[in-house]
Amino acid sequence: MHCNGACKNYKAKSFGNGLSRYDNGQKRCHECEIFLDWEGLWCPCCGHLLRSKPRAKRAKVRTITV
């Protein structure tokens, strides 16, 4: 499925507190290409599985140690 724009209602804001978005509980949809404030595992818009952990190795280490 493709993005139908419903995810814009759940778009997450950046806090700028030095923590990653994943540490703040935000999740990313790779289809819609935005971070969401959403409790579920699946995107409310397109139905893709949301990413709840960073992909980059440097970010993974930083997330685990913080």
Protein backbone atom coordinates (compact mmCIF):
# COMPACT_ATOMS: atom_id res chain seq x y z
CA MET A 1 0.00 0.00 0.00
CA HIS A 2 1.05 3.58 -0.50
CA CYS A 3 0.90 6.56 1.83
CA ASN A 4 -2.56 8.14 1.79
CA GLY A 5 -1.66 11.09 4.04
CA ALA A 6 -3.45 9.95 7.21
CA CYS A 7 -0.09 9.65 8.98
CA LYS A 8 0.30 13.45 8.98
CA ASN A 9 -2.07 13.51 11.99
CA TYR A 10 0.50 11.50 14.02
CA LYS A 11 3.64 13.29 12.85
CA ALA A 12 6.19 13.56 15.69
CA LYS A 13 8.03 16.73 16.61
CA SER A 14 11.74 16.87 17.38
CA PHE A 15 12.44 17.82 21.01
CA GLY A 16 16.09 18.82 20.60
CA ASN A 17 16.94 17.46 24.04
CA GLY A 18 20.00 15.51 22.93
CA LEU A 19 18.22 12.15 22.84
CA SER A 20 17.45 10.29 19.66
CA ARG A 21 13.90 10.19 18.37
CA TYR A 22 13.81 6.47 19.16
CA ASP A 23 14.75 7.20 22.80
CA ASN A 24 11.79 9.58 22.92
CA GLY A 25 9.46 6.74 21.84
CA GLN A 26 9.00 7.85 18.25
CA LYS A 27 8.84 5.35 15.38
CA ARG A 28 9.65 5.74 11.69
CA CYS A 29 7.68 4.58 8.68
CA HIS A 30 9.93 3.90 5.70
CA GLU A 31 7.05 4.19 3.24
CA CYS A 32 5.73 7.55 4.48
CA GLU A 33 9.26 8.73 5.38
CA ILE A 34 8.27 10.44 8.66
CA PHE A 35 8.60 9.85 12.39
CA LEU A 36 5.32 9.11 14.17
CA ASP A 37 3.98 9.37 17.73
CA TRP A 38 2.09 6.09 17.47
CA GLU A 39 1.79 3.21 19.96
CA GLY A 40 1.13 0.45 17.43
CA LEU A 41 3.62 -1.58 15.41
CA TRP A 42 2.05 -0.81 12.05
CA CYS A 43 1.68 2.53 10.30
CA PRO A 44 -1.89 3.87 10.60
CA CYS A 45 -1.65 5.22 7.07
CA CYS A 46 -0.05 2.62 4.82
CA GLY A 47 0.10 -0.50 7.01
CA HIS A 48 3.89 -0.99 6.89
CA LEU A 49 5.82 -2.18 9.93
CA LEU A 50 7.27 0.79 11.83
CA ARG A 51 10.95 0.96 12.70
CA SER A 52 11.46 1.39 16.46
CA LYS A 53 15.25 1.03 16.56
CA PRO A 54 17.93 2.96 14.65
CA ARG A 55 19.64 1.33 11.68
CA ALA A 56 23.04 3.03 11.93
CA LYS A 57 25.60 1.24 14.12
CA ARG A 58 26.75 4.48 15.78
CA ALA A 59 23.17 5.37 16.69
CA LYS A 60 22.51 1.84 18.01
CA VAL A 61 25.46 2.09 20.40
CA ARG A 62 24.39 5.55 21.55
CA THR A 63 20.79 4.41 22.12
CA ILE A 64 21.81 1.36 24.15
CA THR A 65 24.28 3.17 26.40
CA VAL A 66 22.04 6.13 27.17
